Amino acid sequence: MNQQTRYDINSIARLLRRFVRLNVENLRLSFTERLTILMSSVAFFLIALFLGTIGLVFLTAGLAHLLEGALEVEWVYLIIAGIYFAIVGTIWVFRRKILIDPICRFLSRMIVEPPKHKEHE
């Protein structure tokens, strides 16, 4: 084997190692980006759920206080419970359209689609 052939093989091996190293780095960065998007979405959802629950408690108390003047307290709480059951029933009937499909679309868009990079012109 002559000197030029050995140099070419070493050069190809170096390029191949660099290519693999860059692809691993790209994979790490892409995974980190997608994990960050997922974690921020979960954090936003949990914060919105917490604040929404607090708001719903105050709204329920206000509605109970408002209806208390016109009805007996037992009927007021039964009406509010009926409203909650109607909301839960509606969510249950439309759970695929309201919950499952959007979550599936979000995850598939995040995992399956390649990241969109801006072109530098």
Protein backbone atom coordinates (compact mmCIF):
# COMPACT_ATOMS: atom_id res chain seq x y z
CA MET A 1 0.00 0.00 0.00
CA ASN A 2 1.50 3.29 -1.00
CA GLN A 3 1.60 6.52 1.01
CA GLN A 4 -1.22 8.23 -0.98
CA THR A 5 -3.64 5.33 -0.44
CA ARG A 6 -2.93 5.29 3.30
CA TYR A 7 -3.48 9.08 3.43
CA ASP A 8 -6.80 8.72 1.55
CA ILE A 9 -8.02 5.97 3.91
CA ASN A 10 -7.07 8.04 6.98
CA SER A 11 -8.77 11.08 5.48
CA ILE A 12 -11.96 9.12 4.76
CA ALA A 13 -11.92 7.65 8.29
CA ARG A 14 -11.51 11.13 9.80
CA LEU A 15 -14.37 12.47 7.70
CA LEU A 16 -16.56 9.52 8.63
CA ARG A 17 -15.84 10.01 12.37
CA ARG A 18 -16.61 13.71 12.05
CA PHE A 19 -19.84 12.93 10.16
CA VAL A 20 -20.98 10.50 12.86
CA ARG A 21 -20.03 12.94 15.64
CA LEU A 22 -21.99 15.76 13.96
CA ASN A 23 -25.02 13.54 13.44
CA VAL A 24 -24.98 12.49 17.09
CA GLU A 25 -24.73 16.15 18.11
CA ASN A 26 -27.63 17.01 15.78
CA LEU A 27 -29.69 14.19 17.29
CA ARG A 28 -28.96 15.43 20.82
CA LEU A 29 -29.93 19.00 19.93
CA SER A 30 -33.09 17.91 18.13
CA PHE A 31 -34.11 15.71 21.07
CA THR A 32 -33.43 18.55 23.50
CA GLU A 33 -35.50 20.96 21.41
CA ARG A 34 -38.48 18.60 21.21
CA LEU A 35 -38.24 17.71 24.90
CA THR A 36 -38.20 21.42 25.77
CA ILE A 37 -41.32 22.02 23.69
CA LEU A 38 -43.07 19.08 25.34
CA MET A 39 -42.07 20.09 28.87
CA SER A 40 -43.10 23.73 28.34
CA SER A 41 -46.47 22.60 26.97
CA VAL A 42 -47.04 20.34 29.98
CA ALA A 43 -46.01 23.14 32.37
CA PHE A 44 -48.35 25.60 30.65
CA PHE A 45 -51.21 23.10 30.80
CA LEU A 46 -50.65 22.42 34.51
CA ILE A 47 -50.51 26.13 35.36
CA ALA A 48 -53.65 26.81 33.29
CA LEU A 49 -55.41 23.86 34.94
CA PHE A 50 -54.47 25.09 38.42
CA LEU A 51 -55.59 28.66 37.77
CA GLY A 52 -58.70 27.48 35.95
CA THR A 53 -59.66 25.31 38.91
CA ILE A 54 -59.29 28.25 41.28
CA GLY A 55 -61.39 30.41 38.96
CA LEU A 56 -64.03 27.70 38.70
CA VAL A 57 -64.27 27.46 42.49
CA PHE A 58 -64.84 31.20 42.77
CA LEU A 59 -67.33 31.14 39.89
CA THR A 60 -69.25 28.32 41.56
CA ALA A 61 -69.29 30.14 44.90
CA GLY A 62 -70.52 33.30 43.18
CA LEU A 63 -73.23 31.41 41.30
CA ALA A 64 -74.33 29.69 44.51
CA HIS A 65 -74.47 33.01 46.32
CA LEU A 66 -76.46 34.55 43.46
CA LEU A 67 -79.02 31.75 43.32
CA GLU A 68 -79.28 31.53 47.10
CA GLY A 69 -81.66 34.46 47.19
CA ALA A 70 -84.14 32.83 44.82
CA LEU A 71 -83.93 29.15 45.80
CA GLU A 72 -83.20 27.03 48.81
CA VAL A 73 -79.54 26.18 49.37
CA GLU A 74 -80.03 22.47 48.62
CA TRP A 75 -81.53 23.23 45.20
CA VAL A 76 -78.75 25.69 44.42
CA TYR A 77 -76.07 23.05 44.98
CA LEU A 78 -78.05 20.44 43.06
CA ILE A 79 -78.32 22.82 40.10
CA ILE A 80 -74.58 23.54 40.20
CA ALA A 81 -73.83 19.80 40.43
CA GLY A 82 -76.14 19.22 37.46
CA ILE A 83 -74.24 21.84 35.45
CA TYR A 84 -70.96 20.10 36.30
CA PHE A 85 -72.37 16.71 35.32
CA ALA A 86 -73.59 18.17 32.01
CA ILE A 87 -70.12 19.59 31.32
CA VAL A 88 -68.43 16.27 32.18
CA GLY A 89 -70.95 14.39 30.03
CA THR A 90 -70.31 16.71 27.09
CA ILE A 91 -66.57 16.26 27.45
CA TRP A 92 -67.04 12.48 27.68
CA VAL A 93 -69.15 12.38 24.51
CA PHE A 94 -66.73 14.56 22.55
CA ARG A 95 -63.54 13.31 24.24
CA ARG A 96 -61.98 12.15 20.96
CA LYS A 97 -62.50 15.51 19.28
CA ILE A 98 -61.71 17.63 22.34
CA LEU A 99 -58.84 15.71 23.98
CA ILE A 100 -57.44 12.73 22.07
CA ASP A 101 -57.13 14.15 18.55
CA PRO A 102 -55.41 17.44 19.54
CA ILE A 103 -52.92 15.63 21.79
CA CYS A 104 -52.19 13.06 19.10
CA ARG A 105 -51.77 15.81 16.48
CA PHE A 106 -49.42 17.77 18.73
CA LEU A 107 -47.24 14.77 19.54
CA SER A 108 -47.12 13.51 15.96
CA ARG A 109 -46.24 16.98 14.67
CA MET A 110 -43.52 17.28 17.28
CA ILE A 111 -42.03 13.78 16.83
CA VAL A 112 -42.61 12.85 13.20
CA GLU A 113 -42.16 16.09 11.29
CA PRO A 114 -38.59 17.27 10.76
CA PRO A 115 -37.68 20.58 12.41
CA LYS A 116 -38.14 23.65 10.26
CA HIS A 117 -34.92 25.61 9.95
CA LYS A 118 -34.79 29.15 8.70
CA GLU A 119 -32.80 29.62 5.53
CA HIS A 120 -30.01 32.13 5.75
CA GLU A 121 -29.79 33.96 2.48
